[in-house]
Amino acid sequence: MNVPSSTVMGTKRWLATALVAALVPFVSWLVGCGSPRPIKYYEVSYPTKSFVAPDAIDTTICVRNFETSPLYLDNKIVYGFDSPEMGTYEYQRWVQPPVQILQTSLVRGLRASGRFKGVYTLRADTATRYILGGQLYDFKEVDGPTIVARLNYEVRLRDRKSGTNLWDYSYNHDEPASEKSVTALVLAMGKNLQRSVQEIQAGLDEYFKAHPPQ
């Protein structure tokens, strides 16, 4: 039986069209796999010096990880508004979770002050008497007419020997960013952390002057 040439050509065109339609999603998938969007990581600056001043307080402090929301146990940068709504950036992240950034900032900032014999992170085998810990509430970008880096946490000094809290302090400050960008936010958060460490160092200094370690 002879099939009309027009029918054969029509069938070929249909098959070609179907093949192209089937390949488009596959090619798109290949292109997407070949050029993923890069993840960018950001870190704050810490003091580089570490020393003990001649008139330093004769005590050692251990800084433990703060309690916090699961949001700040992840390294994605958190953003929000002056409302209950919050979210996270998928491709902009801290090099460490905010709770660890706070701990490192306190350890290195208090060391750099030279006001204490030693400042360390808490380890299970330490016999250090004074433990610094607390609760981290906010470590995020807040969007509005301008962007601010919001840092809000409560810190407590605990005497491991007696099991009592000796001193506490609440820090809550919005540091304006110079522009609406992630880099500007990171710089503002670093400045906010430094300010908080200075206030806590001054408070601890005042406490130990009034209550010298025995």
N, C-alpha and C. Protein backbone atom coordinates (compact mmCIF):
# COMPACT_ATOMS: atom_id res chain seq x y z
N MET A 1 0.86 -1.18 0.00
CA MET A 1 0.00 0.00 0.00
C MET A 1 0.89 1.23 0.00
N ASN A 2 0.58 2.16 -0.88
CA ASN A 2 1.35 3.40 -0.96
C ASN A 2 0.74 4.46 -0.05
N VAL A 3 1.59 4.96 0.88
CA VAL A 3 1.14 6.03 1.79
C VAL A 3 1.42 7.36 1.14
N PRO A 4 0.45 8.23 1.08
CA PRO A 4 0.68 9.55 0.45
C PRO A 4 1.86 10.26 1.08
N SER A 5 2.65 10.89 0.23
CA SER A 5 3.85 11.60 0.72
C SER A 5 3.50 12.69 1.70
N SER A 6 2.35 13.33 1.51
CA SER A 6 1.96 14.40 2.44
C SER A 6 1.74 13.86 3.84
N THR A 7 1.21 12.62 3.93
CA THR A 7 0.99 11.99 5.24
C THR A 7 2.31 11.68 5.91
N VAL A 8 3.27 11.16 5.15
CA VAL A 8 4.60 10.84 5.69
C VAL A 8 5.28 12.09 6.22
N MET A 9 5.24 13.15 5.43
CA MET A 9 5.87 14.39 5.86
C MET A 9 5.21 14.94 7.11
N GLY A 10 3.89 14.83 7.18
CA GLY A 10 3.17 15.32 8.36
C GLY A 10 3.55 14.54 9.61
N THR A 11 3.71 13.23 9.45
CA THR A 11 4.11 12.38 10.57
C THR A 11 5.50 12.74 11.06
N LYS A 12 6.43 12.99 10.13
CA LYS A 12 7.80 13.37 10.49
C LYS A 12 7.82 14.69 11.24
N ARG A 13 7.02 15.65 10.75
CA ARG A 13 6.98 16.95 11.44
C ARG A 13 6.43 16.80 12.85
N TRP A 14 5.41 15.94 13.00
CA TRP A 14 4.82 15.72 14.32
C TRP A 14 5.84 15.09 15.28
N LEU A 15 6.58 14.09 14.76
CA LEU A 15 7.59 13.44 15.60
C LEU A 15 8.69 14.41 15.99
N ALA A 16 9.10 15.27 15.06
CA ALA A 16 10.16 16.26 15.36
C ALA A 16 9.69 17.24 16.43
N THR A 17 8.44 17.68 16.29
CA THR A 17 7.89 18.62 17.28
C THR A 17 7.80 17.98 18.66
N ALA A 18 7.37 16.73 18.70
CA ALA A 18 7.26 16.01 19.97
C ALA A 18 8.62 15.82 20.62
N LEU A 19 9.63 15.51 19.79
CA LEU A 19 10.98 15.31 20.31
C LEU A 19 11.53 16.59 20.91
N VAL A 20 11.34 17.73 20.23
CA VAL A 20 11.81 19.01 20.75
C VAL A 20 11.11 19.35 22.06
N ALA A 21 9.80 19.13 22.09
CA ALA A 21 9.04 19.42 23.31
C ALA A 21 9.54 18.59 24.47
N ALA A 22 9.92 17.34 24.20
CA ALA A 22 10.42 16.47 25.26
C ALA A 22 11.81 16.88 25.73
N LEU A 23 12.61 17.42 24.81
CA LEU A 23 13.98 17.77 25.15
C LEU A 23 14.10 19.10 25.89
N VAL A 24 13.14 20.01 25.70
CA VAL A 24 13.25 21.34 26.32
C VAL A 24 13.41 21.28 27.83
N PRO A 25 12.55 20.53 28.56
CA PRO A 25 12.75 20.47 30.02
C PRO A 25 14.09 19.88 30.41
N PHE A 26 14.54 18.85 29.63
CA PHE A 26 15.82 18.21 29.94
C PHE A 26 16.98 19.17 29.76
N VAL A 27 16.96 19.93 28.66
CA VAL A 27 18.03 20.91 28.40
C VAL A 27 18.01 21.99 29.47
N SER A 28 16.81 22.44 29.86
CA SER A 28 16.69 23.46 30.90
C SER A 28 17.26 22.95 32.22
N TRP A 29 17.01 21.66 32.50
CA TRP A 29 17.55 21.07 33.72
C TRP A 29 19.07 21.03 33.68
N LEU A 30 19.62 20.67 32.51
CA LEU A 30 21.07 20.63 32.37
C LEU A 30 21.68 22.01 32.56
N VAL A 31 21.06 23.03 31.98
CA VAL A 31 21.58 24.39 32.11
C VAL A 31 21.52 24.83 33.57
N GLY A 32 20.41 24.49 34.24
CA GLY A 32 20.28 24.87 35.65
C GLY A 32 21.30 24.18 36.53
N CYS A 33 21.58 22.91 36.22
CA CYS A 33 22.57 22.17 37.01
C CYS A 33 23.97 22.69 36.76
N GLY A 34 24.21 23.20 35.59
CA GLY A 34 25.56 23.64 35.25
C GLY A 34 25.91 25.00 35.80
N SER A 35 24.92 25.80 36.18
CA SER A 35 25.22 27.15 36.68
C SER A 35 24.35 27.49 37.90
N PRO A 36 24.58 26.81 39.02
CA PRO A 36 23.80 27.12 40.23
C PRO A 36 24.17 28.49 40.78
N ARG A 37 23.22 29.08 41.48
CA ARG A 37 23.49 30.38 42.09
C ARG A 37 24.46 30.19 43.25
N PRO A 38 25.56 30.94 43.30
CA PRO A 38 26.54 30.74 44.38
C PRO A 38 26.03 31.23 45.73
N ILE A 39 26.44 30.52 46.77
CA ILE A 39 26.14 30.94 48.14
C ILE A 39 27.28 31.81 48.64
N LYS A 40 26.96 32.96 49.20
CA LYS A 40 27.96 33.88 49.72
C LYS A 40 27.97 33.82 51.24
N TYR A 41 29.18 33.79 51.82
CA TYR A 41 29.33 33.70 53.26
C TYR A 41 29.94 35.00 53.80
N TYR A 42 29.51 35.38 55.00
CA TYR A 42 29.95 36.64 55.59
C TYR A 42 30.42 36.39 57.03
N GLU A 43 31.44 37.15 57.42
CA GLU A 43 31.94 37.06 58.79
C GLU A 43 32.14 38.45 59.37
N VAL A 44 32.05 38.54 60.68
CA VAL A 44 32.31 39.81 61.36
C VAL A 44 33.77 39.85 61.75
N SER A 45 34.25 41.04 62.06
CA SER A 45 35.65 41.20 62.47
C SER A 45 35.76 41.08 63.98
N TYR A 46 36.80 40.38 64.44
CA TYR A 46 37.06 40.22 65.86
C TYR A 46 38.37 40.92 66.22
N PRO A 47 38.53 41.32 67.49
CA PRO A 47 39.82 41.87 67.91
C PRO A 47 40.93 40.85 67.70
N THR A 48 42.08 41.32 67.28
CA THR A 48 43.20 40.41 67.01
C THR A 48 44.15 40.28 68.20
N LYS A 49 44.17 41.28 69.08
CA LYS A 49 45.10 41.23 70.20
C LYS A 49 44.50 40.45 71.37
N SER A 50 45.37 39.93 72.21
CA SER A 50 44.95 39.23 73.42
C SER A 50 46.06 39.41 74.45
N PHE A 51 45.74 40.06 75.56
CA PHE A 51 46.78 40.30 76.57
C PHE A 51 46.13 40.40 77.95
N VAL A 52 46.97 40.41 78.97
CA VAL A 52 46.52 40.56 80.35
C VAL A 52 47.19 41.81 80.92
N ALA A 53 46.40 42.80 81.28
CA ALA A 53 46.93 44.05 81.81
C ALA A 53 47.51 43.83 83.21
N PRO A 54 48.47 44.66 83.61
CA PRO A 54 49.06 44.51 84.95
C PRO A 54 48.03 44.58 86.08
N ASP A 55 46.99 45.37 85.87
CA ASP A 55 45.97 45.51 86.92
C ASP A 55 44.73 44.66 86.62
N ALA A 56 44.90 43.60 85.83
CA ALA A 56 43.76 42.75 85.47
C ALA A 56 43.16 42.08 86.70
N ILE A 57 41.87 41.79 86.63
CA ILE A 57 41.18 41.08 87.71
C ILE A 57 41.68 39.64 87.74
N ASP A 58 42.03 39.16 88.91
CA ASP A 58 42.64 37.84 89.06
C ASP A 58 41.57 36.75 89.02
N THR A 59 40.99 36.57 87.86
CA THR A 59 39.99 35.51 87.69
C THR A 59 39.91 35.11 86.24
N THR A 60 39.37 33.93 85.99
CA THR A 60 39.16 33.40 84.66
C THR A 60 37.67 33.24 84.41
N ILE A 61 37.24 33.59 83.22
CA ILE A 61 35.83 33.49 82.85
C ILE A 61 35.70 32.54 81.66
N CYS A 62 34.70 31.66 81.73
CA CYS A 62 34.38 30.79 80.61
C CYS A 62 33.05 31.22 80.01
N VAL A 63 33.01 31.36 78.70
CA VAL A 63 31.79 31.78 78.00
C VAL A 63 31.18 30.55 77.35
N ARG A 64 29.95 30.25 77.70
CA ARG A 64 29.26 29.10 77.13
C ARG A 64 28.37 29.54 75.97
N ASN A 65 27.90 28.59 75.18
CA ASN A 65 26.94 28.90 74.13
C ASN A 65 25.64 29.39 74.74
N PHE A 66 25.06 30.43 74.15
CA PHE A 66 23.82 30.98 74.65
C PHE A 66 22.63 30.12 74.18
N GLU A 67 21.57 30.13 74.97
CA GLU A 67 20.33 29.53 74.53
C GLU A 67 19.69 30.47 73.49
N THR A 68 18.97 29.88 72.53
CA THR A 68 18.41 30.73 71.47
C THR A 68 17.37 29.97 70.67
N SER A 69 16.72 30.68 69.75
CA SER A 69 15.76 30.10 68.82
C SER A 69 16.49 29.22 67.81
N PRO A 70 15.82 28.20 67.26
CA PRO A 70 16.44 27.40 66.18
C PRO A 70 16.89 28.23 64.99
N LEU A 71 16.28 29.40 64.77
CA LEU A 71 16.70 30.27 63.67
C LEU A 71 18.17 30.64 63.78
N TYR A 72 18.63 30.88 65.01
CA TYR A 72 20.00 31.35 65.21
C TYR A 72 20.99 30.21 65.47
N LEU A 73 20.50 28.97 65.31
CA LEU A 73 21.39 27.82 65.33
C LEU A 73 21.83 27.44 63.92
N ASP A 74 21.21 28.09 62.93
CA ASP A 74 21.56 27.90 61.53
C ASP A 74 22.39 29.10 61.08
N ASN A 75 23.08 28.98 59.96
CA ASN A 75 23.95 30.09 59.54
C ASN A 75 23.32 30.99 58.48
N LYS A 76 22.06 30.76 58.12
CA LYS A 76 21.39 31.65 57.17
C LYS A 76 21.10 33.00 57.83
N ILE A 77 21.33 34.07 57.09
CA ILE A 77 21.07 35.41 57.62
C ILE A 77 19.57 35.62 57.74
N VAL A 78 19.16 36.04 58.92
CA VAL A 78 17.74 36.24 59.23
C VAL A 78 17.37 37.70 58.96
N TYR A 79 16.21 37.90 58.35
CA TYR A 79 15.71 39.26 58.14
C TYR A 79 14.29 39.35 58.70
N GLY A 80 13.87 40.56 58.99
CA GLY A 80 12.52 40.75 59.51
C GLY A 80 12.09 42.19 59.37
N PHE A 81 10.97 42.49 59.99
CA PHE A 81 10.38 43.81 59.95
C PHE A 81 9.94 44.15 61.37
N ASP A 82 9.39 45.32 61.57
CA ASP A 82 8.83 45.63 62.88
C ASP A 82 7.45 44.98 62.98
N SER A 83 7.46 43.67 62.88
CA SER A 83 6.25 42.86 62.92
C SER A 83 6.68 41.45 63.29
N PRO A 84 5.73 40.54 63.53
CA PRO A 84 6.12 39.16 63.86
C PRO A 84 6.76 38.40 62.70
N GLU A 85 6.66 38.91 61.48
CA GLU A 85 7.15 38.18 60.31
C GLU A 85 8.67 38.18 60.22
N MET A 86 9.25 37.02 59.94
CA MET A 86 10.70 36.89 59.72
C MET A 86 10.94 35.88 58.61
N GLY A 87 12.14 35.93 58.05
CA GLY A 87 12.53 34.97 57.03
C GLY A 87 14.04 34.84 57.00
N THR A 88 14.54 33.98 56.12
CA THR A 88 15.98 33.79 55.98
C THR A 88 16.38 33.88 54.52
N TYR A 89 17.60 34.39 54.29
CA TYR A 89 18.16 34.40 52.95
C TYR A 89 18.74 33.02 52.65
N GLU A 90 18.47 32.53 51.44
CA GLU A 90 18.97 31.21 51.07
C GLU A 90 20.43 31.27 50.63
N TYR A 91 20.85 32.36 49.99
CA TYR A 91 22.18 32.42 49.38
C TYR A 91 23.13 33.38 50.08
N GLN A 92 22.70 34.00 51.18
CA GLN A 92 23.57 34.85 52.00
C GLN A 92 23.60 34.26 53.41
N ARG A 93 24.79 33.86 53.85
CA ARG A 93 24.89 33.14 55.12
C ARG A 93 26.10 33.63 55.92
N TRP A 94 26.01 33.47 57.24
CA TRP A 94 27.14 33.70 58.12
C TRP A 94 28.10 32.52 58.02
N VAL A 95 29.36 32.74 58.34
CA VAL A 95 30.31 31.62 58.33
C VAL A 95 30.06 30.68 59.51
N GLN A 96 29.40 31.20 60.55
CA GLN A 96 29.01 30.40 61.70
C GLN A 96 27.57 30.77 62.08
N PRO A 97 26.87 29.92 62.80
CA PRO A 97 25.56 30.32 63.31
C PRO A 97 25.71 31.52 64.25
N PRO A 98 24.74 32.42 64.29
CA PRO A 98 24.83 33.61 65.14
C PRO A 98 25.14 33.31 66.60
N VAL A 99 24.64 32.20 67.14
CA VAL A 99 24.90 31.89 68.55
C VAL A 99 26.40 31.66 68.78
N GLN A 100 27.09 31.10 67.79
CA GLN A 100 28.54 30.91 67.91
C GLN A 100 29.30 32.21 67.66
N ILE A 101 28.77 33.05 66.75
CA ILE A 101 29.40 34.35 66.52
C ILE A 101 29.37 35.18 67.80
N LEU A 102 28.24 35.14 68.51
CA LEU A 102 28.14 35.88 69.78
C LEU A 102 29.14 35.36 70.80
N GLN A 103 29.24 34.05 70.94
CA GLN A 103 30.19 33.47 71.89
C GLN A 103 31.62 33.87 71.55
N THR A 104 31.99 33.77 70.28
CA THR A 104 33.34 34.13 69.86
C THR A 104 33.61 35.62 70.09
N SER A 105 32.62 36.46 69.83
CA SER A 105 32.77 37.90 70.03
C SER A 105 33.04 38.22 71.49
N LEU A 106 32.33 37.56 72.38
CA LEU A 106 32.54 37.79 73.82
C LEU A 106 33.92 37.30 74.27
N VAL A 107 34.30 36.11 73.83
CA VAL A 107 35.60 35.56 74.23
C VAL A 107 36.74 36.46 73.75
N ARG A 108 36.74 36.78 72.47
CA ARG A 108 37.86 37.55 71.92
C ARG A 108 37.82 39.01 72.35
N GLY A 109 36.61 39.54 72.52
CA GLY A 109 36.50 40.93 72.98
C GLY A 109 36.94 41.10 74.42
N LEU A 110 36.54 40.17 75.28
CA LEU A 110 36.95 40.26 76.69
C LEU A 110 38.44 39.98 76.85
N ARG A 111 38.98 39.09 76.04
CA ARG A 111 40.43 38.88 76.06
C ARG A 111 41.17 40.15 75.67
N ALA A 112 40.68 40.80 74.62
CA ALA A 112 41.35 42.00 74.12
C ALA A 112 41.29 43.16 75.10
N SER A 113 40.32 43.13 76.01
CA SER A 113 40.22 44.22 77.00
C SER A 113 41.38 44.19 78.00
N GLY A 114 41.96 42.99 78.20
CA GLY A 114 43.07 42.86 79.15
C GLY A 114 42.65 42.91 80.60
N ARG A 115 41.34 42.89 80.87
CA ARG A 115 40.85 43.09 82.23
C ARG A 115 40.73 41.81 83.03
N PHE A 116 40.97 40.65 82.39
CA PHE A 116 40.79 39.38 83.10
C PHE A 116 42.00 38.48 82.87
N LYS A 117 42.25 37.63 83.85
CA LYS A 117 43.41 36.74 83.78
C LYS A 117 43.29 35.79 82.59
N GLY A 118 42.08 35.36 82.31
CA GLY A 118 41.85 34.47 81.17
C GLY A 118 40.39 34.45 80.79
N VAL A 119 40.12 34.27 79.49
CA VAL A 119 38.75 34.15 78.98
C VAL A 119 38.75 33.03 77.95
N TYR A 120 37.87 32.04 78.15
CA TYR A 120 37.86 30.87 77.28
C TYR A 120 36.42 30.46 76.97
N THR A 121 36.27 29.57 75.98
CA THR A 121 34.98 28.94 75.77
C THR A 121 34.83 27.81 76.78
N LEU A 122 33.60 27.52 77.12
CA LEU A 122 33.34 26.51 78.14
C LEU A 122 33.59 25.11 77.59
N ARG A 123 34.33 24.31 78.35
CA ARG A 123 34.55 22.91 78.01
C ARG A 123 34.16 22.05 79.21
N ALA A 124 33.82 20.82 78.92
CA ALA A 124 33.26 19.95 79.96
C ALA A 124 34.22 19.69 81.11
N ASP A 125 35.52 19.71 80.83
CA ASP A 125 36.49 19.36 81.85
C ASP A 125 37.06 20.57 82.60
N THR A 126 36.52 21.77 82.34
CA THR A 126 37.07 22.94 82.99
C THR A 126 36.61 23.05 84.43
N ALA A 127 37.46 23.60 85.26
CA ALA A 127 37.11 23.83 86.67
C ALA A 127 36.90 25.31 86.94
N THR A 128 36.75 26.10 85.90
CA THR A 128 36.58 27.54 86.05
C THR A 128 35.34 27.83 86.87
N ARG A 129 35.48 28.77 87.79
CA ARG A 129 34.38 29.08 88.70
C ARG A 129 33.31 29.93 88.05
N TYR A 130 33.71 30.92 87.23
CA TYR A 130 32.76 31.90 86.70
C TYR A 130 32.38 31.56 85.26
N ILE A 131 31.08 31.39 85.05
CA ILE A 131 30.55 31.01 83.75
C ILE A 131 29.65 32.13 83.23
N LEU A 132 29.91 32.55 81.99
CA LEU A 132 29.11 33.59 81.37
C LEU A 132 28.23 32.96 80.29
N GLY A 133 26.94 33.16 80.40
CA GLY A 133 26.00 32.60 79.43
C GLY A 133 24.77 33.48 79.35
N GLY A 134 23.70 32.95 78.76
CA GLY A 134 22.50 33.76 78.68
C GLY A 134 21.58 33.32 77.56
N GLN A 135 20.82 34.28 77.03
CA GLN A 135 19.81 34.01 76.01
C GLN A 135 19.96 35.02 74.87
N LEU A 136 20.07 34.51 73.64
CA LEU A 136 20.10 35.35 72.44
C LEU A 136 18.70 35.45 71.87
N TYR A 137 18.18 36.68 71.77
CA TYR A 137 16.81 36.88 71.29
C TYR A 137 16.76 37.34 69.82
N ASP A 138 17.63 38.27 69.44
CA ASP A 138 17.61 38.81 68.08
C ASP A 138 19.02 38.97 67.55
N PHE A 139 19.22 38.53 66.32
CA PHE A 139 20.49 38.70 65.60
C PHE A 139 20.10 38.75 64.13
N LYS A 140 19.56 39.91 63.70
CA LYS A 140 18.93 39.91 62.38
C LYS A 140 18.94 41.28 61.73
N GLU A 141 18.65 41.26 60.46
CA GLU A 141 18.40 42.47 59.68
C GLU A 141 16.94 42.87 59.87
N VAL A 142 16.71 44.14 60.14
CA VAL A 142 15.34 44.66 60.23
C VAL A 142 15.16 45.70 59.13
N ASP A 143 14.21 45.43 58.24
CA ASP A 143 13.97 46.30 57.09
C ASP A 143 12.94 47.36 57.41
N GLY A 144 13.19 48.54 56.88
CA GLY A 144 12.29 49.67 57.03
C GLY A 144 12.75 50.75 56.07
N PRO A 145 12.52 52.01 56.40
CA PRO A 145 13.09 53.09 55.58
C PRO A 145 14.60 52.96 55.44
N THR A 146 15.24 52.46 56.49
CA THR A 146 16.66 52.10 56.45
C THR A 146 16.80 50.69 57.00
N ILE A 147 17.95 50.08 56.78
CA ILE A 147 18.23 48.75 57.32
C ILE A 147 19.02 48.90 58.62
N VAL A 148 18.64 48.13 59.64
CA VAL A 148 19.40 48.13 60.88
C VAL A 148 19.77 46.69 61.23
N ALA A 149 20.88 46.55 61.94
CA ALA A 149 21.30 45.26 62.48
C ALA A 149 20.83 45.21 63.93
N ARG A 150 19.86 44.37 64.20
CA ARG A 150 19.29 44.29 65.55
C ARG A 150 19.96 43.18 66.34
N LEU A 151 20.50 43.55 67.50
CA LEU A 151 21.14 42.60 68.41
C LEU A 151 20.50 42.73 69.78
N ASN A 152 19.95 41.65 70.27
CA ASN A 152 19.25 41.67 71.55
C ASN A 152 19.56 40.37 72.29
N TYR A 153 20.23 40.49 73.43
CA TYR A 153 20.50 39.30 74.23
C TYR A 153 20.65 39.65 75.69
N GLU A 154 20.51 38.62 76.50
CA GLU A 154 20.65 38.76 77.96
C GLU A 154 21.82 37.90 78.40
N VAL A 155 22.68 38.47 79.22
CA VAL A 155 23.87 37.75 79.67
C VAL A 155 23.84 37.61 81.19
N ARG A 156 24.32 36.47 81.69
CA ARG A 156 24.33 36.21 83.13
C ARG A 156 25.69 35.64 83.54
N LEU A 157 26.18 36.11 84.65
CA LEU A 157 27.42 35.57 85.24
C LEU A 157 27.01 34.62 86.37
N ARG A 158 27.45 33.39 86.26
CA ARG A 158 27.06 32.37 87.23
C ARG A 158 28.28 31.86 87.98
N ASP A 159 28.11 31.67 89.26
CA ASP A 159 29.16 31.10 90.10
C ASP A 159 28.94 29.59 90.14
N ARG A 160 29.81 28.85 89.50
CA ARG A 160 29.65 27.40 89.46
C ARG A 160 29.77 26.78 90.85
N LYS A 161 30.56 27.38 91.70
CA LYS A 161 30.79 26.84 93.03
C LYS A 161 29.53 26.89 93.88
N SER A 162 28.84 28.02 93.84
CA SER A 162 27.62 28.16 94.66
C SER A 162 26.34 27.88 93.88
N GLY A 163 26.44 27.86 92.55
CA GLY A 163 25.27 27.62 91.73
C GLY A 163 24.34 28.80 91.63
N THR A 164 24.82 30.00 91.94
CA THR A 164 23.96 31.19 91.91
C THR A 164 24.37 32.13 90.79
N ASN A 165 23.40 32.94 90.35
CA ASN A 165 23.67 33.99 89.38
C ASN A 165 24.14 35.23 90.12
N LEU A 166 25.29 35.75 89.71
CA LEU A 166 25.91 36.87 90.42
C LEU A 166 25.61 38.22 89.78
N TRP A 167 25.45 38.22 88.47
CA TRP A 167 25.31 39.49 87.75
C TRP A 167 24.61 39.22 86.43
N ASP A 168 23.77 40.14 86.01
CA ASP A 168 23.11 39.97 84.72
C ASP A 168 22.99 41.32 84.02
N TYR A 169 22.84 41.25 82.71
CA TYR A 169 22.79 42.48 81.90
C TYR A 169 22.01 42.20 80.63
N SER A 170 21.17 43.15 80.22
CA SER A 170 20.41 43.02 78.98
C SER A 170 20.92 44.03 77.96
N TYR A 171 21.19 43.53 76.77
CA TYR A 171 21.66 44.40 75.68
C TYR A 171 20.65 44.36 74.55
N ASN A 172 20.25 45.54 74.07
CA ASN A 172 19.29 45.62 72.98
C ASN A 172 19.56 46.91 72.20
N HIS A 173 20.06 46.75 70.97
CA HIS A 173 20.43 47.94 70.20
C HIS A 173 20.26 47.67 68.71
N ASP A 174 19.75 48.67 67.99
CA ASP A 174 19.66 48.64 66.53
C ASP A 174 20.77 49.52 65.95
N GLU A 175 21.68 48.89 65.20
CA GLU A 175 22.78 49.63 64.58
C GLU A 175 22.45 49.88 63.11
N PRO A 176 22.33 51.16 62.69
CA PRO A 176 21.97 51.44 61.29
C PRO A 176 23.06 50.99 60.33
N ALA A 177 22.64 50.43 59.20
CA ALA A 177 23.57 50.10 58.12
C ALA A 177 23.77 51.33 57.24
N SER A 178 24.92 51.44 56.61
CA SER A 178 25.23 52.62 55.80
C SER A 178 24.45 52.63 54.50
N GLU A 179 23.98 51.44 54.06
CA GLU A 179 23.20 51.35 52.83
C GLU A 179 22.41 50.04 52.87
N LYS A 180 21.54 49.87 51.88
CA LYS A 180 20.75 48.66 51.83
C LYS A 180 21.50 47.57 51.06
N SER A 181 22.40 46.89 51.77
CA SER A 181 23.15 45.78 51.18
C SER A 181 23.54 44.82 52.30
N VAL A 182 23.82 43.57 51.92
CA VAL A 182 24.21 42.58 52.92
C VAL A 182 25.55 42.94 53.55
N THR A 183 26.48 43.43 52.75
CA THR A 183 27.79 43.82 53.29
C THR A 183 27.65 44.91 54.33
N ALA A 184 26.82 45.90 54.07
CA ALA A 184 26.60 46.98 55.04
C ALA A 184 25.94 46.44 56.30
N LEU A 185 25.04 45.47 56.15
CA LEU A 185 24.41 44.85 57.32
C LEU A 185 25.46 44.14 58.18
N VAL A 186 26.35 43.39 57.54
CA VAL A 186 27.39 42.65 58.27
C VAL A 186 28.30 43.61 59.05
N LEU A 187 28.69 44.71 58.41
CA LEU A 187 29.53 45.70 59.10
C LEU A 187 28.78 46.31 60.29
N ALA A 188 27.49 46.57 60.12
CA ALA A 188 26.70 47.13 61.22
C ALA A 188 26.56 46.13 62.36
N MET A 189 26.39 44.85 62.03
CA MET A 189 26.28 43.84 63.09
C MET A 189 27.60 43.69 63.83
N GLY A 190 28.72 43.76 63.11
CA GLY A 190 30.02 43.71 63.78
C GLY A 190 30.20 44.86 64.75
N LYS A 191 29.79 46.04 64.34
CA LYS A 191 29.87 47.22 65.21
C LYS A 191 28.97 47.06 66.43
N ASN A 192 27.81 46.48 66.22
CA ASN A 192 26.86 46.25 67.32
C ASN A 192 27.44 45.26 68.32
N LEU A 193 28.06 44.20 67.82
CA LEU A 193 28.67 43.21 68.70
C LEU A 193 29.78 43.83 69.54
N GLN A 194 30.64 44.63 68.91
CA GLN A 194 31.73 45.27 69.64
C GLN A 194 31.19 46.18 70.75
N ARG A 195 30.15 46.92 70.43
CA ARG A 195 29.55 47.80 71.43
C ARG A 195 29.01 46.99 72.61
N SER A 196 28.35 45.88 72.31
CA SER A 196 27.79 45.06 73.39
C SER A 196 28.88 44.48 74.28
N VAL A 197 29.98 44.02 73.67
CA VAL A 197 31.08 43.45 74.45
C VAL A 197 31.70 44.51 75.36
N GLN A 198 31.84 45.72 74.86
CA GLN A 198 32.39 46.81 75.69
C GLN A 198 31.50 47.08 76.90
N GLU A 199 30.18 47.07 76.69
CA GLU A 199 29.27 47.32 77.81
C GLU A 199 29.32 46.18 78.83
N ILE A 200 29.41 44.95 78.35
CA ILE A 200 29.48 43.81 79.26
C ILE A 200 30.80 43.78 80.00
N GLN A 201 31.88 44.10 79.31
CA GLN A 201 33.19 44.17 79.98
C GLN A 201 33.18 45.20 81.10
N ALA A 202 32.59 46.37 80.84
CA ALA A 202 32.51 47.41 81.85
C ALA A 202 31.67 46.95 83.04
N GLY A 203 30.57 46.24 82.77
CA GLY A 203 29.72 45.74 83.85
C GLY A 203 30.42 44.69 84.69
N LEU A 204 31.13 43.77 84.05
CA LEU A 204 31.88 42.75 84.79
C LEU A 204 33.00 43.37 85.61
N ASP A 205 33.66 44.34 85.02
CA ASP A 205 34.73 45.04 85.72
C ASP A 205 34.19 45.67 87.01
N GLU A 206 33.05 46.33 86.89
CA GLU A 206 32.43 46.97 88.05
C GLU A 206 32.01 45.95 89.10
N TYR A 207 31.46 44.82 88.64
CA TYR A 207 31.03 43.79 89.59
C TYR A 207 32.22 43.23 90.38
N PHE A 208 33.30 42.87 89.69
CA PHE A 208 34.44 42.26 90.38
C PHE A 208 35.20 43.24 91.26
N LYS A 209 35.12 44.51 90.93
CA LYS A 209 35.72 45.50 91.83
C LYS A 209 34.95 45.58 93.14
N ALA A 210 33.65 45.43 93.04
CA ALA A 210 32.80 45.44 94.25
C ALA A 210 32.81 44.10 94.96
N HIS A 211 33.08 43.03 94.22
CA HIS A 211 33.09 41.68 94.80
C HIS A 211 34.34 40.95 94.33
N PRO A 212 35.49 41.26 94.88
CA PRO A 212 36.75 40.64 94.44
C PRO A 212 36.70 39.12 94.57
N PRO A 213 37.21 38.41 93.56
CA PRO A 213 37.24 36.94 93.64
C PRO A 213 38.03 36.47 94.86
N GLN A 214 37.53 35.48 95.52
CA GLN A 214 38.19 34.93 96.72
C GLN A 214 39.14 33.79 96.32
